Amino acid sequence: MLDRQQLETFATVLDCQHFRKAAAVLHISPGAVSQRVKNLESAVGATLLLREPTVMPTHAGEAILRYIMAVRLLEEEAFRIIKPGKFPPVNIAVAVNADSLATWFEPVSWELAVQHIGLEILVDDQDHTVTALVRGDVKGCISTQREPRTGFQADFAGGMRYRCVATPEFVETHLPKGMTLPGILDVPAILFDRKDAIHDKFLSTFFRVDVARYRKHYFPSPTALLNAILNGLGYGLVPEMQIGALLESGELVELTPGHSLLLELYWHHWESEPEPLAKITTLVMEHARRSLVQEIHAAGAGN
């Protein structure tokens, strides 16, 4: 049986990412914090923390962290069953890319928020959300990574299709010959932020060559990005489900008809999930299967 005091100390060190800060939170000396972590490492027979350059869990540490979180969740669930209404909601964080949150994941968050949990949504690029899951910052995440890390499971959620669009006026002024090289190099593209690799991926598949140096504007909000395109500041890639009506009305036109980008998304979560995490996974996957493209190979990324 692992020592609960040592486990909670280990988790606090990871939360604070610092031994002295953890000591202040726990109201004990830094030496006592270090000793508890060493005793826990001795008990499990493995190094649990990388102490330099920053405090991070090892693979064994990740497994212990998931164990601690599972114990906490099971304990809170048991208390709620024994004394319903006497305990505060369980706090659960998930990591989602901004485009998913602005479209299909938004109704998921509404359903989660009305359950007996305290919901926190961390927004990050879909290529980087798994890091937050492995660190223990979140209990599940939407990611483009197909392969799960050890101790986790990755379920295919579906494909999100992006269309390359601009206003008719912008096309007439800046791209009268369409999407050509080197024509687009001095035409402003609207991207989400510096982590946003979607535009580079789209250009490389369309032109069959890497295109790295081109003008870029960054608008780190799905709404702000779309509004920038609508106001003629540039062209960009926008989720199809966000712009259907705008394409139908002619406010936006597609620059590359027949060529879109289909981004595969996966829901990463623990292999063994206590409640209420299992319910969250079920809810996420139900919404994803209704909203996202499921037949990826039949649909094709270039269609």
C-alpha atoms as a PDB file:
ATOM      1  CA  MET A   1       0.000   0.000   0.000  1.00  0.00           C
ATOM      2  CA  LEU A   2       1.491   3.329  -1.059  1.00  0.00           C
ATOM      3  CA  ASP A   3       1.708   6.073   1.540  1.00  0.00           C
ATOM      4  CA  ARG A   4      -1.023   8.659   0.876  1.00  0.00           C
ATOM      5  CA  GLN A   5       1.008  11.494   2.434  1.00  0.00           C
ATOM      6  CA  GLN A   6       3.929  10.727   0.143  1.00  0.00           C
ATOM      7  CA  LEU A   7       1.618  10.510  -2.874  1.00  0.00           C
ATOM      8  CA  GLU A   8      -0.005  13.877  -2.151  1.00  0.00           C
ATOM      9  CA  THR A   9       3.414  15.457  -1.615  1.00  0.00           C
ATOM     10  CA  PHE A  10       4.590  14.088  -4.965  1.00  0.00           C
ATOM     11  CA  ALA A  11       1.476  15.476  -6.679  1.00  0.00           C
ATOM     12  CA  THR A  12       1.955  18.872  -5.023  1.00  0.00           C
ATOM     13  CA  VAL A  13       5.550  19.078  -6.265  1.00  0.00           C
ATOM     14  CA  LEU A  14       4.296  18.483  -9.805  1.00  0.00           C
ATOM     15  CA  ASP A  15       1.480  21.005  -9.388  1.00  0.00           C
ATOM     16  CA  CYS A  16       3.970  23.651  -8.224  1.00  0.00           C
ATOM     17  CA  GLN A  17       6.835  22.393 -10.415  1.00  0.00           C
ATOM     18  CA  HIS A  18       9.122  23.337  -7.545  1.00  0.00           C
ATOM     19  CA  PHE A  19      10.107  21.698  -4.240  1.00  0.00           C
ATOM     20  CA  ARG A  20      10.246  24.936  -2.215  1.00  0.00           C
ATOM     21  CA  LYS A  21       6.858  26.106  -3.513  1.00  0.00           C
ATOM     22  CA  ALA A  22       5.387  22.703  -2.676  1.00  0.00           C
ATOM     23  CA  ALA A  23       6.848  22.990   0.823  1.00  0.00           C
ATOM     24  CA  ALA A  24       5.116  26.351   1.283  1.00  0.00           C
ATOM     25  CA  VAL A  25       1.784  24.907   0.136  1.00  0.00           C
ATOM     26  CA  LEU A  26       2.114  21.909   2.464  1.00  0.00           C
ATOM     27  CA  HIS A  27       3.498  23.966   5.375  1.00  0.00           C
ATOM     28  CA  ILE A  28       6.519  21.736   5.792  1.00  0.00           C
ATOM     29  CA  SER A  29      10.240  22.193   5.110  1.00  0.00           C
ATOM     30  CA  PRO A  30      11.745  21.663   1.630  1.00  0.00           C
ATOM     31  CA  GLY A  31      13.828  18.893   3.171  1.00  0.00           C
ATOM     32  CA  ALA A  32      10.693  17.080   4.317  1.00  0.00           C
ATOM     33  CA  VAL A  33       9.202  17.375   0.819  1.00  0.00           C
ATOM     34  CA  SER A  34      12.363  15.941  -0.718  1.00  0.00           C
ATOM     35  CA  GLN A  35      12.451  13.090   1.808  1.00  0.00           C
ATOM     36  CA  ARG A  36       8.828  12.121   1.180  1.00  0.00           C
ATOM     37  CA  VAL A  37       9.421  11.988  -2.579  1.00  0.00           C
ATOM     38  CA  LYS A  38      12.597   9.920  -2.068  1.00  0.00           C
ATOM     39  CA  ASN A  39      10.695   7.523   0.210  1.00  0.00           C
ATOM     40  CA  LEU A  40       7.982   7.135  -2.415  1.00  0.00           C
ATOM     41  CA  GLU A  41      10.597   6.452  -5.085  1.00  0.00           C
ATOM     42  CA  SER A  42      12.144   3.825  -2.815  1.00  0.00           C
ATOM     43  CA  ALA A  43       8.744   2.225  -2.223  1.00  0.00           C
ATOM     44  CA  VAL A  44       8.012   1.850  -5.949  1.00  0.00           C
ATOM     45  CA  GLY A  45      11.607   1.134  -6.919  1.00  0.00           C
ATOM     46  CA  ALA A  46      11.803   3.780  -9.634  1.00  0.00           C
ATOM     47  CA  THR A  47      12.759   7.401 -10.189  1.00  0.00           C
ATOM     48  CA  LEU A  48       9.544   9.419 -10.375  1.00  0.00           C
ATOM     49  CA  LEU A  49      10.778  12.956 -10.991  1.00  0.00           C
ATOM     50  CA  LEU A  50      13.242  14.648 -13.286  1.00  0.00           C
ATOM     51  CA  ARG A  51      14.527  17.523 -11.192  1.00  0.00           C
ATOM     52  CA  GLU A  52      16.552  19.431 -13.823  1.00  0.00           C
ATOM     53  CA  PRO A  53      16.138  21.701 -15.718  1.00  0.00           C
ATOM     54  CA  THR A  54      12.497  21.732 -14.547  1.00  0.00           C
ATOM     55  CA  VAL A  55      10.520  19.355 -12.372  1.00  0.00           C
ATOM     56  CA  MET A  56       8.806  16.811 -14.643  1.00  0.00           C
ATOM     57  CA  PRO A  57       7.474  13.283 -14.091  1.00  0.00           C
ATOM     58  CA  THR A  58       9.300  10.291 -15.543  1.00  0.00           C
ATOM     59  CA  HIS A  59       7.259   7.544 -17.259  1.00  0.00           C
ATOM     60  CA  ALA A  60       6.961   5.871 -13.852  1.00  0.00           C
ATOM     61  CA  GLY A  61       6.009   9.227 -12.354  1.00  0.00           C
ATOM     62  CA  GLU A  62       3.245   9.662 -14.935  1.00  0.00           C
ATOM     63  CA  ALA A  63       1.775   6.302 -13.873  1.00  0.00           C
ATOM     64  CA  ILE A  64       1.906   7.286 -10.194  1.00  0.00           C
ATOM     65  CA  LEU A  65       0.307  10.653 -10.984  1.00  0.00           C
ATOM     66  CA  ARG A  66      -2.598   8.951 -12.778  1.00  0.00           C
ATOM     67  CA  TYR A  67      -2.955   6.631  -9.783  1.00  0.00           C
ATOM     68  CA  ILE A  68      -3.195   9.626  -7.413  1.00  0.00           C
ATOM     69  CA  MET A  69      -5.778  11.329  -9.601  1.00  0.00           C
ATOM     70  CA  ALA A  70      -7.829   8.146  -9.851  1.00  0.00           C
ATOM     71  CA  VAL A  71      -7.768   7.710  -6.066  1.00  0.00           C
ATOM     72  CA  ARG A  72      -8.942  11.305  -5.606  1.00  0.00           C
ATOM     73  CA  LEU A  73     -11.776  10.882  -8.097  1.00  0.00           C
ATOM     74  CA  LEU A  74     -12.928   7.573  -6.607  1.00  0.00           C
ATOM     75  CA  GLU A  75     -12.800   9.062  -3.111  1.00  0.00           C
ATOM     76  CA  GLU A  76     -14.853  12.092  -4.139  1.00  0.00           C
ATOM     77  CA  GLU A  77     -17.370   9.874  -5.950  1.00  0.00           C
ATOM     78  CA  ALA A  78     -17.751   7.659  -2.880  1.00  0.00           C
ATOM     79  CA  PHE A  79     -18.356  10.650  -0.598  1.00  0.00           C
ATOM     80  CA  ARG A  80     -20.985  12.057  -2.953  1.00  0.00           C
ATOM     81  CA  ILE A  81     -22.808   8.716  -2.932  1.00  0.00           C
ATOM     82  CA  ILE A  82     -22.624   8.423   0.858  1.00  0.00           C
ATOM     83  CA  LYS A  83     -23.579  12.039   1.527  1.00  0.00           C
ATOM     84  CA  PRO A  84     -25.117  13.525  -1.633  1.00  0.00           C
ATOM     85  CA  GLY A  85     -25.057  17.304  -1.781  1.00  0.00           C
ATOM     86  CA  LYS A  86     -22.526  17.611   1.054  1.00  0.00           C
ATOM     87  CA  PHE A  87     -19.395  17.865  -1.079  1.00  0.00           C
ATOM     88  CA  PRO A  88     -18.298  20.386  -3.712  1.00  0.00           C
ATOM     89  CA  PRO A  89     -18.124  19.398  -7.397  1.00  0.00           C
ATOM     90  CA  VAL A  90     -15.116  17.481  -8.704  1.00  0.00           C
ATOM     91  CA  ASN A  91     -12.775  19.775 -10.628  1.00  0.00           C
ATOM     92  CA  ILE A  92     -11.906  18.365 -14.042  1.00  0.00           C
ATOM     93  CA  ALA A  93      -9.811  20.025 -16.754  1.00  0.00           C
ATOM     94  CA  VAL A  94      -9.662  19.055 -20.430  1.00  0.00           C
ATOM     95  CA  ALA A  95      -7.510  20.440 -23.246  1.00  0.00           C
ATOM     96  CA  VAL A  96      -9.091  21.334 -26.582  1.00  0.00           C
ATOM     97  CA  ASN A  97      -7.939  23.141 -29.703  1.00  0.00           C
ATOM     98  CA  ALA A  98      -9.660  26.483 -30.284  1.00  0.00           C
ATOM     99  CA  ASP A  99     -11.420  25.495 -33.526  1.00  0.00           C
ATOM    100  CA  SER A 100     -13.036  22.473 -31.873  1.00  0.00           C
ATOM    101  CA  LEU A 101     -14.175  24.573 -28.918  1.00  0.00           C
ATOM    102  CA  ALA A 102     -15.685  27.170 -31.273  1.00  0.00           C
ATOM    103  CA  THR A 103     -17.631  24.505 -33.200  1.00  0.00           C
ATOM    104  CA  TRP A 104     -18.477  20.919 -32.248  1.00  0.00           C
ATOM    105  CA  PHE A 105     -16.957  20.820 -28.728  1.00  0.00           C
ATOM    106  CA  GLU A 106     -18.922  23.813 -27.462  1.00  0.00           C
ATOM    107  CA  PRO A 107     -22.156  21.833 -26.884  1.00  0.00           C
ATOM    108  CA  VAL A 108     -20.052  19.128 -25.217  1.00  0.00           C
ATOM    109  CA  SER A 109     -18.787  21.705 -22.729  1.00  0.00           C
ATOM    110  CA  TRP A 110     -22.351  22.849 -22.015  1.00  0.00           C
ATOM    111  CA  GLU A 111     -23.426  19.305 -21.135  1.00  0.00           C
ATOM    112  CA  LEU A 112     -20.356  18.803 -18.973  1.00  0.00           C
ATOM    113  CA  ALA A 113     -20.864  22.089 -17.131  1.00  0.00           C
ATOM    114  CA  VAL A 114     -24.362  21.151 -15.921  1.00  0.00           C
ATOM    115  CA  GLN A 115     -23.090  17.928 -14.364  1.00  0.00           C
ATOM    116  CA  HIS A 116     -21.730  17.823 -10.819  1.00  0.00           C
ATOM    117  CA  ILE A 117     -18.207  18.839 -11.848  1.00  0.00           C
ATOM    118  CA  GLY A 118     -16.188  22.019 -11.939  1.00  0.00           C
ATOM    119  CA  LEU A 119     -15.135  22.242 -15.591  1.00  0.00           C
ATOM    120  CA  GLU A 120     -11.927  23.894 -16.778  1.00  0.00           C
ATOM    121  CA  ILE A 121     -11.088  24.022 -20.491  1.00  0.00           C
ATOM    122  CA  LEU A 122      -7.494  24.635 -21.516  1.00  0.00           C
ATOM    123  CA  VAL A 123      -7.126  25.861 -25.087  1.00  0.00           C
ATOM    124  CA  ASP A 124      -3.980  24.939 -26.999  1.00  0.00           C
ATOM    125  CA  ASP A 125      -2.898  23.953 -30.483  1.00  0.00           C
ATOM    126  CA  GLN A 126      -4.105  20.451 -31.402  1.00  0.00           C
ATOM    127  CA  ASP A 127      -0.489  19.338 -31.889  1.00  0.00           C
ATOM    128  CA  HIS A 128       0.439  20.267 -28.296  1.00  0.00           C
ATOM    129  CA  THR A 129      -2.495  19.276 -26.046  1.00  0.00           C
ATOM    130  CA  VAL A 130      -1.110  15.802 -25.227  1.00  0.00           C
ATOM    131  CA  THR A 131       1.704  17.440 -23.255  1.00  0.00           C
ATOM    132  CA  ALA A 132      -0.851  18.838 -20.788  1.00  0.00           C
ATOM    133  CA  LEU A 133      -2.433  15.379 -20.416  1.00  0.00           C
ATOM    134  CA  VAL A 134       0.882  13.650 -19.704  1.00  0.00           C
ATOM    135  CA  ARG A 135       1.846  16.349 -17.180  1.00  0.00           C
ATOM    136  CA  GLY A 136      -1.420  15.712 -15.344  1.00  0.00           C
ATOM    137  CA  ASP A 137      -2.767  19.209 -16.013  1.00  0.00           C
ATOM    138  CA  VAL A 138      -5.862  17.771 -17.721  1.00  0.00           C
ATOM    139  CA  LYS A 139      -7.801  14.493 -17.658  1.00  0.00           C
ATOM    140  CA  GLY A 140      -8.414  14.286 -21.416  1.00  0.00           C
ATOM    141  CA  CYS A 141      -7.554  16.168 -24.591  1.00  0.00           C
ATOM    142  CA  ILE A 142      -8.314  16.614 -28.274  1.00  0.00           C
ATOM    143  CA  SER A 143      -5.174  16.060 -30.331  1.00  0.00           C
ATOM    144  CA  THR A 144      -3.948  15.294 -33.839  1.00  0.00           C
ATOM    145  CA  GLN A 145      -1.570  12.668 -32.440  1.00  0.00           C
ATOM    146  CA  ARG A 146      -2.669   9.197 -33.472  1.00  0.00           C
ATOM    147  CA  GLU A 147      -0.554   7.180 -31.036  1.00  0.00           C
ATOM    148  CA  PRO A 148      -1.277   7.424 -27.288  1.00  0.00           C
ATOM    149  CA  ARG A 149       1.385   7.672 -24.619  1.00  0.00           C
ATOM    150  CA  THR A 150       1.895   4.762 -22.247  1.00  0.00           C
ATOM    151  CA  GLY A 151      -1.065   4.452 -19.879  1.00  0.00           C
ATOM    152  CA  PHE A 152      -3.385   6.403 -22.159  1.00  0.00           C
ATOM    153  CA  GLN A 153      -5.814   5.577 -24.959  1.00  0.00           C
ATOM    154  CA  ALA A 154      -6.438   7.543 -28.164  1.00  0.00           C
ATOM    155  CA  ASP A 155      -9.906   7.195 -29.727  1.00  0.00           C
ATOM    156  CA  PHE A 156     -10.494   8.471 -33.259  1.00  0.00           C
ATOM    157  CA  ALA A 157     -12.973  11.350 -32.893  1.00  0.00           C
ATOM    158  CA  GLY A 158     -13.257  12.286 -36.563  1.00  0.00           C
ATOM    159  CA  GLY A 159     -12.003  14.687 -39.177  1.00  0.00           C
ATOM    160  CA  MET A 160     -12.424  18.454 -39.188  1.00  0.00           C
ATOM    161  CA  ARG A 161     -12.457  19.846 -42.715  1.00  0.00           C
ATOM    162  CA  TYR A 162     -10.878  23.230 -43.434  1.00  0.00           C
ATOM    163  CA  ARG A 163     -11.586  25.373 -46.495  1.00  0.00           C
ATOM    164  CA  CYS A 164      -9.240  28.030 -47.859  1.00  0.00           C
ATOM    165  CA  VAL A 165     -11.357  31.176 -48.203  1.00  0.00           C
ATOM    166  CA  ALA A 166     -11.329  34.930 -48.725  1.00  0.00           C
ATOM    167  CA  THR A 167     -13.773  37.679 -49.694  1.00  0.00           C
ATOM    168  CA  PRO A 168     -14.497  38.138 -53.411  1.00  0.00           C
ATOM    169  CA  GLU A 169     -13.005  41.648 -53.218  1.00  0.00           C
ATOM    170  CA  PHE A 170      -9.775  40.321 -51.692  1.00  0.00           C
ATOM    171  CA  VAL A 171      -9.460  37.701 -54.425  1.00  0.00           C
ATOM    172  CA  GLU A 172     -10.052  40.262 -57.171  1.00  0.00           C
ATOM    173  CA  THR A 173      -7.435  42.633 -55.725  1.00  0.00           C
ATOM    174  CA  HIS A 174      -4.737  40.270 -54.491  1.00  0.00           C
ATOM    175  CA  LEU A 175      -5.250  36.910 -56.184  1.00  0.00           C
ATOM    176  CA  PRO A 176      -6.770  37.614 -59.627  1.00  0.00           C
ATOM    177  CA  LYS A 177      -4.944  34.561 -61.025  1.00  0.00           C
ATOM    178  CA  GLY A 178      -5.882  32.374 -58.090  1.00  0.00           C
ATOM    179  CA  MET A 179      -3.544  30.483 -55.755  1.00  0.00           C
ATOM    180  CA  THR A 180      -0.225  30.493 -57.557  1.00  0.00           C
ATOM    181  CA  LEU A 181       3.444  30.434 -56.694  1.00  0.00           C
ATOM    182  CA  PRO A 182       5.113  32.848 -56.233  1.00  0.00           C
ATOM    183  CA  GLY A 183       1.896  34.929 -56.299  1.00  0.00           C
ATOM    184  CA  ILE A 184       0.853  34.088 -52.708  1.00  0.00           C
ATOM    185  CA  LEU A 185       4.208  34.878 -51.097  1.00  0.00           C
ATOM    186  CA  ASP A 186       3.370  38.565 -50.665  1.00  0.00           C
ATOM    187  CA  VAL A 187      -0.335  38.063 -50.012  1.00  0.00           C
ATOM    188  CA  PRO A 188      -1.235  38.112 -46.295  1.00  0.00           C
ATOM    189  CA  ALA A 189      -2.443  34.854 -44.804  1.00  0.00           C
ATOM    190  CA  ILE A 190      -4.479  34.816 -41.582  1.00  0.00           C
ATOM    191  CA  LEU A 191      -3.209  32.298 -39.021  1.00  0.00           C
ATOM    192  CA  PHE A 192      -4.234  31.558 -35.448  1.00  0.00           C
ATOM    193  CA  ASP A 193      -0.827  31.870 -33.746  1.00  0.00           C
ATOM    194  CA  ARG A 194       2.811  30.825 -34.120  1.00  0.00           C
ATOM    195  CA  LYS A 195       1.986  27.217 -33.221  1.00  0.00           C
ATOM    196  CA  ASP A 196      -0.533  27.014 -36.058  1.00  0.00           C
ATOM    197  CA  ALA A 197       0.843  24.510 -38.583  1.00  0.00           C
ATOM    198  CA  ILE A 198      -2.396  24.018 -40.519  1.00  0.00           C
ATOM    199  CA  HIS A 199      -1.641  26.673 -43.137  1.00  0.00           C
ATOM    200  CA  ASP A 200       1.857  25.317 -43.843  1.00  0.00           C
ATOM    201  CA  LYS A 201       0.448  21.806 -44.191  1.00  0.00           C
ATOM    202  CA  PHE A 202      -2.269  23.015 -46.565  1.00  0.00           C
ATOM    203  CA  LEU A 203       0.169  24.894 -48.809  1.00  0.00           C
ATOM    204  CA  SER A 204       2.589  21.964 -48.946  1.00  0.00           C
ATOM    205  CA  THR A 205      -0.175  19.558 -50.034  1.00  0.00           C
ATOM    206  CA  PHE A 206      -1.625  22.019 -52.549  1.00  0.00           C
ATOM    207  CA  PHE A 207       1.656  23.086 -54.182  1.00  0.00           C
ATOM    208  CA  ARG A 208       3.486  19.793 -53.459  1.00  0.00           C
ATOM    209  CA  VAL A 209       6.399  21.783 -52.079  1.00  0.00           C
ATOM    210  CA  ASP A 210       7.080  23.338 -48.670  1.00  0.00           C
ATOM    211  CA  VAL A 211       6.154  27.023 -48.558  1.00  0.00           C
ATOM    212  CA  ALA A 212       7.567  28.633 -45.431  1.00  0.00           C
ATOM    213  CA  ARG A 213       8.199  32.298 -46.157  1.00  0.00           C
ATOM    214  CA  TYR A 214       4.984  34.191 -46.762  1.00  0.00           C
ATOM    215  CA  ARG A 215       3.199  37.137 -45.163  1.00  0.00           C
ATOM    216  CA  LYS A 216       1.252  36.251 -42.032  1.00  0.00           C
ATOM    217  CA  HIS A 217      -1.179  37.956 -39.664  1.00  0.00           C
ATOM    218  CA  TYR A 218      -1.976  36.245 -36.343  1.00  0.00           C
ATOM    219  CA  PHE A 219      -5.445  36.409 -34.771  1.00  0.00           C
ATOM    220  CA  PRO A 220      -5.533  33.981 -31.811  1.00  0.00           C
ATOM    221  CA  SER A 221      -9.298  33.465 -31.730  1.00  0.00           C
ATOM    222  CA  PRO A 222     -11.488  31.545 -34.214  1.00  0.00           C
ATOM    223  CA  THR A 223     -13.951  34.445 -34.289  1.00  0.00           C
ATOM    224  CA  ALA A 224     -11.236  37.077 -34.687  1.00  0.00           C
ATOM    225  CA  LEU A 225      -9.540  35.023 -37.413  1.00  0.00           C
ATOM    226  CA  LEU A 226     -12.776  34.691 -39.386  1.00  0.00           C
ATOM    227  CA  ASN A 227     -13.601  38.382 -38.932  1.00  0.00           C
ATOM    228  CA  ALA A 228     -10.142  39.327 -40.195  1.00  0.00           C
ATOM    229  CA  ILE A 229     -10.818  37.355 -43.374  1.00  0.00           C
ATOM    230  CA  LEU A 230     -14.302  38.869 -43.724  1.00  0.00           C
ATOM    231  CA  ASN A 231     -12.789  42.349 -43.382  1.00  0.00           C
ATOM    232  CA  GLY A 232     -10.374  41.709 -46.236  1.00  0.00           C
ATOM    233  CA  LEU A 233      -7.180  41.539 -44.205  1.00  0.00           C
ATOM    234  CA  GLY A 234      -6.102  38.291 -45.810  1.00  0.00           C
ATOM    235  CA  TYR A 235      -7.101  34.772 -46.747  1.00  0.00           C
ATOM    236  CA  GLY A 236      -7.061  31.717 -44.522  1.00  0.00           C
ATOM    237  CA  LEU A 237      -8.192  28.255 -43.533  1.00  0.00           C
ATOM    238  CA  VAL A 238     -11.450  28.043 -41.603  1.00  0.00           C
ATOM    239  CA  PRO A 239     -13.435  24.985 -40.427  1.00  0.00           C
ATOM    240  CA  GLU A 240     -16.126  24.142 -42.961  1.00  0.00           C
ATOM    241  CA  MET A 241     -18.800  23.894 -40.275  1.00  0.00           C
ATOM    242  CA  GLN A 242     -18.072  27.510 -39.314  1.00  0.00           C
ATOM    243  CA  ILE A 243     -18.554  29.078 -42.768  1.00  0.00           C
ATOM    244  CA  GLY A 244     -21.240  27.102 -44.602  1.00  0.00           C
ATOM    245  CA  ALA A 245     -23.709  29.998 -44.668  1.00  0.00           C
ATOM    246  CA  LEU A 246     -21.004  32.509 -45.645  1.00  0.00           C
ATOM    247  CA  LEU A 247     -20.022  30.425 -48.659  1.00  0.00           C
ATOM    248  CA  GLU A 248     -23.654  30.004 -49.694  1.00  0.00           C
ATOM    249  CA  SER A 249     -24.306  33.753 -49.453  1.00  0.00           C
ATOM    250  CA  GLY A 250     -21.164  34.618 -51.422  1.00  0.00           C
ATOM    251  CA  GLU A 251     -19.623  36.662 -48.607  1.00  0.00           C
ATOM    252  CA  LEU A 252     -16.709  34.250 -48.815  1.00  0.00           C
ATOM    253  CA  VAL A 253     -15.384  32.296 -51.776  1.00  0.00           C
ATOM    254  CA  GLU A 254     -13.243  29.190 -51.825  1.00  0.00           C
ATOM    255  CA  LEU A 255      -9.782  29.739 -53.281  1.00  0.00           C
ATOM    256  CA  THR A 256      -9.051  26.076 -53.973  1.00  0.00           C
ATOM    257  CA  PRO A 257     -12.313  24.333 -54.949  1.00  0.00           C
ATOM    258  CA  GLY A 258     -11.853  20.599 -54.702  1.00  0.00           C
ATOM    259  CA  HIS A 259      -8.877  20.899 -52.378  1.00  0.00           C
ATOM    260  CA  SER A 260      -9.409  21.153 -48.635  1.00  0.00           C
ATOM    261  CA  LEU A 261      -7.567  20.022 -45.519  1.00  0.00           C
ATOM    262  CA  LEU A 262      -9.047  17.256 -43.393  1.00  0.00           C
ATOM    263  CA  LEU A 263      -7.540  17.272 -39.912  1.00  0.00           C
ATOM    264  CA  GLU A 264      -7.814  13.987 -38.009  1.00  0.00           C
ATOM    265  CA  LEU A 265      -8.660  14.484 -34.338  1.00  0.00           C
ATOM    266  CA  TYR A 266      -8.291  12.000 -31.476  1.00  0.00           C
ATOM    267  CA  TRP A 267      -9.619  12.018 -27.933  1.00  0.00           C
ATOM    268  CA  HIS A 268      -6.782  11.027 -25.574  1.00  0.00           C
ATOM    269  CA  HIS A 269      -7.733   9.773 -22.120  1.00  0.00           C
ATOM    270  CA  TRP A 270      -6.680   7.321 -19.421  1.00  0.00           C
ATOM    271  CA  GLU A 271      -6.812   3.620 -20.288  1.00  0.00           C
ATOM    272  CA  SER A 272      -8.597   2.890 -17.000  1.00  0.00           C
ATOM    273  CA  GLU A 273     -11.041   5.680 -16.238  1.00  0.00           C
ATOM    274  CA  PRO A 274     -12.936   6.082 -12.978  1.00  0.00           C
ATOM    275  CA  GLU A 275     -16.205   7.985 -12.932  1.00  0.00           C
ATOM    276  CA  PRO A 276     -16.885  10.703 -13.927  1.00  0.00           C
ATOM    277  CA  LEU A 277     -14.082  10.511 -16.522  1.00  0.00           C
ATOM    278  CA  ALA A 278     -15.677   7.558 -18.314  1.00  0.00           C
ATOM    279  CA  LYS A 279     -18.905   9.567 -18.697  1.00  0.00           C
ATOM    280  CA  ILE A 280     -16.931  12.469 -20.161  1.00  0.00           C
ATOM    281  CA  THR A 281     -15.274  10.197 -22.722  1.00  0.00           C
ATOM    282  CA  THR A 282     -18.661   8.774 -23.720  1.00  0.00           C
ATOM    283  CA  LEU A 283     -20.129  12.271 -24.118  1.00  0.00           C
ATOM    284  CA  VAL A 284     -17.176  13.577 -26.141  1.00  0.00           C
ATOM    285  CA  MET A 285     -17.230  10.623 -28.515  1.00  0.00           C
ATOM    286  CA  GLU A 286     -21.006  10.800 -29.030  1.00  0.00           C
ATOM    287  CA  HIS A 287     -20.786  14.457 -30.098  1.00  0.00           C
ATOM    288  CA  ALA A 288     -17.691  13.860 -32.210  1.00  0.00           C
ATOM    289  CA  ARG A 289     -19.328  11.056 -34.178  1.00  0.00           C
ATOM    290  CA  ARG A 290     -22.342  13.255 -34.912  1.00  0.00           C
ATOM    291  CA  SER A 291     -20.346  16.343 -35.893  1.00  0.00           C
ATOM    292  CA  LEU A 292     -17.038  15.299 -37.451  1.00  0.00           C
ATOM    293  CA  VAL A 293     -16.204  13.434 -40.651  1.00  0.00           C
ATOM    294  CA  GLN A 294     -15.997   9.743 -39.807  1.00  0.00           C
ATOM    295  CA  GLU A 295     -15.135   8.175 -43.163  1.00  0.00           C
ATOM    296  CA  ILE A 296     -11.688   9.706 -43.454  1.00  0.00           C
ATOM    297  CA  HIS A 297     -10.289   7.434 -46.166  1.00  0.00           C
ATOM    298  CA  ALA A 298     -13.471   7.603 -48.210  1.00  0.00           C
ATOM    299  CA  ALA A 299     -13.678  11.387 -47.860  1.00  0.00           C
ATOM    300  CA  GLY A 300     -10.019  12.109 -48.618  1.00  0.00           C
ATOM    301  CA  ALA A 301      -8.038  15.112 -47.446  1.00  0.00           C
ATOM    302  CA  GLY A 302      -7.887  16.697 -50.878  1.00  0.00           C
ATOM    303  CA  ASN A 303     -11.622  16.715 -51.574  1.00  0.00           C
END
